[in-house]
Every structure is written in structure tokens, then in C-alpha cells.
Amino acid sequence: MAHDCSWARTAQALHVHVNTVHYRVRRIEELTARDLGHLDDRLDLRAALLCAPT
């Protein structure tokens, strides 16, 4: 989300291959039953991450 949902920029920031980012996003979608292509689902995920204890 910090990289405007760009898998390439996210991969570069995480020092992983873009396919790894793609796999992880799909896995999150499977586990949460959300579609991160939809703004509402992305906002819910962002809110959850902001509320999570560190």
C-alpha cells in the first residue's frame, strides 16, 4: 500500500522478486476472503494493520 499498490515497486523495496509479491498478495486474499483490487477491501486491510499491536 505504501507503494500505491505497485507490485514492482513493492518488490524492489522488499528486495524480492515481483512474483513473490504477487504470490503473497494472492495468499492474503485467499486467507482473508478479500479482493485487494477493490478499494474497500484495501482500506479494511490498512485499518487492520494500523490497529495491530507492534
PDB file of N, CA and C in Angstrom:
ATOM      1  N   MET A   1       0.821  -1.182   0.000  1.00  0.00           N
ATOM      2  CA  MET A   1       0.000   0.000   0.000  1.00  0.00           C
ATOM      3  C   MET A   1       0.869   1.252   0.000  1.00  0.00           C
ATOM      4  N   ALA A   2       2.016   1.149   0.625  1.00  0.00           N
ATOM      5  CA  ALA A   2       2.909   2.298   0.689  1.00  0.00           C
ATOM      6  C   ALA A   2       3.484   2.647  -0.679  1.00  0.00           C
ATOM      7  N   HIS A   3       3.380   1.717  -1.610  1.00  0.00           N
ATOM      8  CA  HIS A   3       3.921   1.933  -2.955  1.00  0.00           C
ATOM      9  C   HIS A   3       2.798   2.007  -3.982  1.00  0.00           C
ATOM     10  N   ASP A   4       1.660   2.548  -3.570  1.00  0.00           N
ATOM     11  CA  ASP A   4       0.498   2.737  -4.449  1.00  0.00           C
ATOM     12  C   ASP A   4       0.080   1.453  -5.150  1.00  0.00           C
ATOM     13  N   CYS A   5       0.175   0.346  -4.421  1.00  0.00           N
ATOM     14  CA  CYS A   5      -0.221  -0.977  -4.917  1.00  0.00           C
ATOM     15  C   CYS A   5       0.571  -1.408  -6.149  1.00  0.00           C
ATOM     16  N   SER A   6       1.773  -0.906  -6.298  1.00  0.00           N
ATOM     17  CA  SER A   6       2.647  -1.323  -7.395  1.00  0.00           C
ATOM     18  C   SER A   6       3.471  -2.520  -6.935  1.00  0.00           C
ATOM     19  N   TRP A   7       3.240  -3.646  -7.594  1.00  0.00           N
ATOM     20  CA  TRP A   7       3.979  -4.852  -7.222  1.00  0.00           C
ATOM     21  C   TRP A   7       5.463  -4.702  -7.508  1.00  0.00           C
ATOM     22  N   ALA A   8       5.815  -4.040  -8.584  1.00  0.00           N
ATOM     23  CA  ALA A   8       7.225  -3.867  -8.941  1.00  0.00           C
ATOM     24  C   ALA A   8       7.950  -3.006  -7.906  1.00  0.00           C
ATOM     25  N   ARG A   9       7.346  -1.893  -7.511  1.00  0.00           N
ATOM     26  CA  ARG A   9       7.983  -1.028  -6.506  1.00  0.00           C
ATOM     27  C   ARG A   9       8.019  -1.704  -5.141  1.00  0.00           C
ATOM     28  N   THR A  10       6.971  -2.455  -4.821  1.00  0.00           N
ATOM     29  CA  THR A  10       6.948  -3.190  -3.558  1.00  0.00           C
ATOM     30  C   THR A  10       8.043  -4.251  -3.544  1.00  0.00           C
ATOM     31  N   ALA A  11       8.182  -4.975  -4.639  1.00  0.00           N
ATOM     32  CA  ALA A  11       9.229  -5.994  -4.734  1.00  0.00           C
ATOM     33  C   ALA A  11      10.603  -5.375  -4.570  1.00  0.00           C
ATOM     34  N   GLN A  12      10.817  -4.239  -5.203  1.00  0.00           N
ATOM     35  CA  GLN A  12      12.100  -3.564  -5.096  1.00  0.00           C
ATOM     36  C   GLN A  12      12.363  -3.146  -3.646  1.00  0.00           C
ATOM     37  N   ALA A  13      11.364  -2.601  -2.976  1.00  0.00           N
ATOM     38  CA  ALA A  13      11.527  -2.161  -1.594  1.00  0.00           C
ATOM     39  C   ALA A  13      11.785  -3.329  -0.643  1.00  0.00           C
ATOM     40  N   LEU A  14      11.179  -4.486  -0.935  1.00  0.00           N
ATOM     41  CA  LEU A  14      11.345  -5.670  -0.077  1.00  0.00           C
ATOM     42  C   LEU A  14      12.530  -6.538  -0.485  1.00  0.00           C
ATOM     43  N   HIS A  15      13.157  -6.189  -1.603  1.00  0.00           N
ATOM     44  CA  HIS A  15      14.283  -6.963  -2.130  1.00  0.00           C
ATOM     45  C   HIS A  15      13.884  -8.404  -2.436  1.00  0.00           C
ATOM     46  N   VAL A  16      12.719  -8.532  -3.083  1.00  0.00           N
ATOM     47  CA  VAL A  16      12.233  -9.841  -3.525  1.00  0.00           C
ATOM     48  C   VAL A  16      11.795  -9.719  -4.984  1.00  0.00           C
ATOM     49  N   HIS A  17      11.553 -10.845  -5.611  1.00  0.00           N
ATOM     50  CA  HIS A  17      11.077 -10.863  -6.995  1.00  0.00           C
ATOM     51  C   HIS A  17       9.606 -10.455  -7.026  1.00  0.00           C
ATOM     52  N   VAL A  18       9.203  -9.830  -8.100  1.00  0.00           N
ATOM     53  CA  VAL A  18       7.815  -9.370  -8.238  1.00  0.00           C
ATOM     54  C   VAL A  18       6.832 -10.537  -8.132  1.00  0.00           C
ATOM     55  N   ASN A  19       7.218 -11.723  -8.583  1.00  0.00           N
ATOM     56  CA  ASN A  19       6.332 -12.887  -8.458  1.00  0.00           C
ATOM     57  C   ASN A  19       6.084 -13.247  -7.000  1.00  0.00           C
ATOM     58  N   THR A  20       7.065 -12.995  -6.134  1.00  0.00           N
ATOM     59  CA  THR A  20       6.894 -13.250  -4.710  1.00  0.00           C
ATOM     60  C   THR A  20       5.822 -12.326  -4.143  1.00  0.00           C
ATOM     61  N   VAL A  21       5.853 -11.067  -4.539  1.00  0.00           N
ATOM     62  CA  VAL A  21       4.841 -10.121  -4.091  1.00  0.00           C
ATOM     63  C   VAL A  21       3.462 -10.561  -4.588  1.00  0.00           C
ATOM     64  N   HIS A  22       3.397 -10.936  -5.849  1.00  0.00           N
ATOM     65  CA  HIS A  22       2.137 -11.400  -6.433  1.00  0.00           C
ATOM     66  C   HIS A  22       1.593 -12.598  -5.651  1.00  0.00           C
ATOM     67  N   TYR A  23       2.448 -13.562  -5.365  1.00  0.00           N
ATOM     68  CA  TYR A  23       2.033 -14.743  -4.608  1.00  0.00           C
ATOM     69  C   TYR A  23       1.523 -14.344  -3.217  1.00  0.00           C
ATOM     70  N   ARG A  24       2.251 -13.475  -2.541  1.00  0.00           N
ATOM     71  CA  ARG A  24       1.862 -13.080  -1.180  1.00  0.00           C
ATOM     72  C   ARG A  24       0.531 -12.332  -1.164  1.00  0.00           C
ATOM     73  N   VAL A  25       0.317 -11.469  -2.136  1.00  0.00           N
ATOM     74  CA  VAL A  25      -0.952 -10.746  -2.213  1.00  0.00           C
ATOM     75  C   VAL A  25      -2.093 -11.729  -2.442  1.00  0.00           C
ATOM     76  N   ARG A  26      -1.906 -12.664  -3.367  1.00  0.00           N
ATOM     77  CA  ARG A  26      -2.947 -13.665  -3.625  1.00  0.00           C
ATOM     78  C   ARG A  26      -3.206 -14.510  -2.388  1.00  0.00           C
ATOM     79  N   ARG A  27      -2.155 -14.833  -1.662  1.00  0.00           N
ATOM     80  CA  ARG A  27      -2.311 -15.643  -0.450  1.00  0.00           C
ATOM     81  C   ARG A  27      -3.090 -14.872   0.616  1.00  0.00           C
ATOM     82  N   ILE A  28      -2.804 -13.599   0.774  1.00  0.00           N
ATOM     83  CA  ILE A  28      -3.560 -12.758   1.708  1.00  0.00           C
ATOM     84  C   ILE A  28      -5.026 -12.731   1.306  1.00  0.00           C
ATOM     85  N   GLU A  29      -5.291 -12.601   0.006  1.00  0.00           N
ATOM     86  CA  GLU A  29      -6.674 -12.592  -0.470  1.00  0.00           C
ATOM     87  C   GLU A  29      -7.371 -13.912  -0.164  1.00  0.00           C
ATOM     88  N   GLU A  30      -6.666 -15.018  -0.327  1.00  0.00           N
ATOM     89  CA  GLU A  30      -7.263 -16.327  -0.033  1.00  0.00           C
ATOM     90  C   GLU A  30      -7.570 -16.469   1.449  1.00  0.00           C
ATOM     91  N   LEU A  31      -6.632 -16.066   2.295  1.00  0.00           N
ATOM     92  CA  LEU A  31      -6.796 -16.233   3.734  1.00  0.00           C
ATOM     93  C   LEU A  31      -7.842 -15.301   4.328  1.00  0.00           C
ATOM     94  N   THR A  32      -8.022 -14.134   3.729  1.00  0.00           N
ATOM     95  CA  THR A  32      -8.950 -13.151   4.286  1.00  0.00           C
ATOM     96  C   THR A  32     -10.276 -13.085   3.544  1.00  0.00           C
ATOM     97  N   ALA A  33     -10.380 -13.809   2.435  1.00  0.00           N
ATOM     98  CA  ALA A  33     -11.576 -13.765   1.591  1.00  0.00           C
ATOM     99  C   ALA A  33     -11.880 -12.340   1.133  1.00  0.00           C
ATOM    100  N   ARG A  34     -10.830 -11.589   0.843  1.00  0.00           N
ATOM    101  CA  ARG A  34     -10.953 -10.208   0.362  1.00  0.00           C
ATOM    102  C   ARG A  34     -10.318 -10.108  -1.014  1.00  0.00           C
ATOM    103  N   ASP A  35     -10.727  -9.106  -1.765  1.00  0.00           N
ATOM    104  CA  ASP A  35     -10.149  -8.831  -3.082  1.00  0.00           C
ATOM    105  C   ASP A  35      -9.428  -7.494  -2.980  1.00  0.00           C
ATOM    106  N   LEU A  36      -8.112  -7.521  -2.928  1.00  0.00           N
ATOM    107  CA  LEU A  36      -7.350  -6.301  -2.734  1.00  0.00           C
ATOM    108  C   LEU A  36      -7.336  -5.417  -3.974  1.00  0.00           C
ATOM    109  N   GLY A  37      -8.019  -5.834  -5.008  1.00  0.00           N
ATOM    110  CA  GLY A  37      -8.237  -4.989  -6.162  1.00  0.00           C
ATOM    111  C   GLY A  37      -9.368  -4.003  -5.923  1.00  0.00           C
ATOM    112  N   HIS A  38     -10.138  -4.229  -4.859  1.00  0.00           N
ATOM    113  CA  HIS A  38     -11.243  -3.342  -4.500  1.00  0.00           C
ATOM    114  C   HIS A  38     -10.790  -2.377  -3.400  1.00  0.00           C
ATOM    115  N   LEU A  39     -11.096  -1.130  -3.578  1.00  0.00           N
ATOM    116  CA  LEU A  39     -10.674  -0.098  -2.632  1.00  0.00           C
ATOM    117  C   LEU A  39     -11.180  -0.379  -1.224  1.00  0.00           C
ATOM    118  N   ASP A  40     -12.428  -0.769  -1.073  1.00  0.00           N
ATOM    119  CA  ASP A  40     -12.984  -1.029   0.263  1.00  0.00           C
ATOM    120  C   ASP A  40     -12.187  -2.100   1.001  1.00  0.00           C
ATOM    121  N   ASP A  41     -11.810  -3.163   0.293  1.00  0.00           N
ATOM    122  CA  ASP A  41     -11.045  -4.235   0.918  1.00  0.00           C
ATOM    123  C   ASP A  41      -9.636  -3.767   1.284  1.00  0.00           C
ATOM    124  N   ARG A  42      -9.030  -2.950   0.433  1.00  0.00           N
ATOM    125  CA  ARG A  42      -7.703  -2.408   0.752  1.00  0.00           C
ATOM    126  C   ARG A  42      -7.772  -1.502   1.982  1.00  0.00           C
ATOM    127  N   LEU A  43      -8.821  -0.693   2.070  1.00  0.00           N
ATOM    128  CA  LEU A  43      -8.974   0.192   3.225  1.00  0.00           C
ATOM    129  C   LEU A  43      -9.177  -0.605   4.510  1.00  0.00           C
ATOM    130  N   ASP A  44      -9.956  -1.679   4.440  1.00  0.00           N
ATOM    131  CA  ASP A  44     -10.151  -2.539   5.611  1.00  0.00           C
ATOM    132  C   ASP A  44      -8.825  -3.147   6.059  1.00  0.00           C
ATOM    133  N   LEU A  45      -8.037  -3.613   5.104  1.00  0.00           N
ATOM    134  CA  LEU A  45      -6.739  -4.200   5.434  1.00  0.00           C
ATOM    135  C   LEU A  45      -5.824  -3.150   6.054  1.00  0.00           C
ATOM    136  N   ARG A  46      -5.794  -1.965   5.484  1.00  0.00           N
ATOM    137  CA  ARG A  46      -4.958  -0.884   6.009  1.00  0.00           C
ATOM    138  C   ARG A  46      -5.362  -0.537   7.440  1.00  0.00           C
ATOM    139  N   ALA A  47      -6.658  -0.433   7.683  1.00  0.00           N
ATOM    140  CA  ALA A  47      -7.146  -0.125   9.027  1.00  0.00           C
ATOM    141  C   ALA A  47      -6.746  -1.220  10.003  1.00  0.00           C
ATOM    142  N   ALA A  48      -6.850  -2.458   9.596  1.00  0.00           N
ATOM    143  CA  ALA A  48      -6.477  -3.574  10.465  1.00  0.00           C
ATOM    144  C   ALA A  48      -4.986  -3.535  10.787  1.00  0.00           C
ATOM    145  N   LEU A  49      -4.163  -3.225   9.793  1.00  0.00           N
ATOM    146  CA  LEU A  49      -2.724  -3.167  10.023  1.00  0.00           C
ATOM    147  C   LEU A  49      -2.358  -2.003  10.947  1.00  0.00           C
ATOM    148  N   LEU A  50      -3.061  -0.900  10.823  1.00  0.00           N
ATOM    149  CA  LEU A  50      -2.790   0.245  11.696  1.00  0.00           C
ATOM    150  C   LEU A  50      -3.198  -0.026  13.140  1.00  0.00           C
ATOM    151  N   CYS A  51      -4.205  -0.870  13.338  1.00  0.00           N
ATOM    152  CA  CYS A  51      -4.689  -1.193  14.677  1.00  0.00           C
ATOM    153  C   CYS A  51      -3.932  -2.339  15.339  1.00  0.00           C
ATOM    154  N   ALA A  52      -3.177  -3.086  14.556  1.00  0.00           N
ATOM    155  CA  ALA A  52      -2.470  -4.244  15.076  1.00  0.00           C
ATOM    156  C   ALA A  52      -1.355  -3.811  16.027  1.00  0.00           C
ATOM    157  N   PRO A  53      -1.194  -4.547  17.129  1.00  0.00           N
ATOM    158  CA  PRO A  53      -0.105  -4.203  18.061  1.00  0.00           C
ATOM    159  C   PRO A  53       1.252  -4.453  17.402  1.00  0.00           C
ATOM    160  N   THR A  54       2.206  -3.658  17.811  1.00  0.00           N
ATOM    161  CA  THR A  54       3.553  -3.802  17.236  1.00  0.00           C
ATOM    162  C   THR A  54       4.442  -4.660  18.066  1.00  0.00           C
TER     163      THR A  54
END
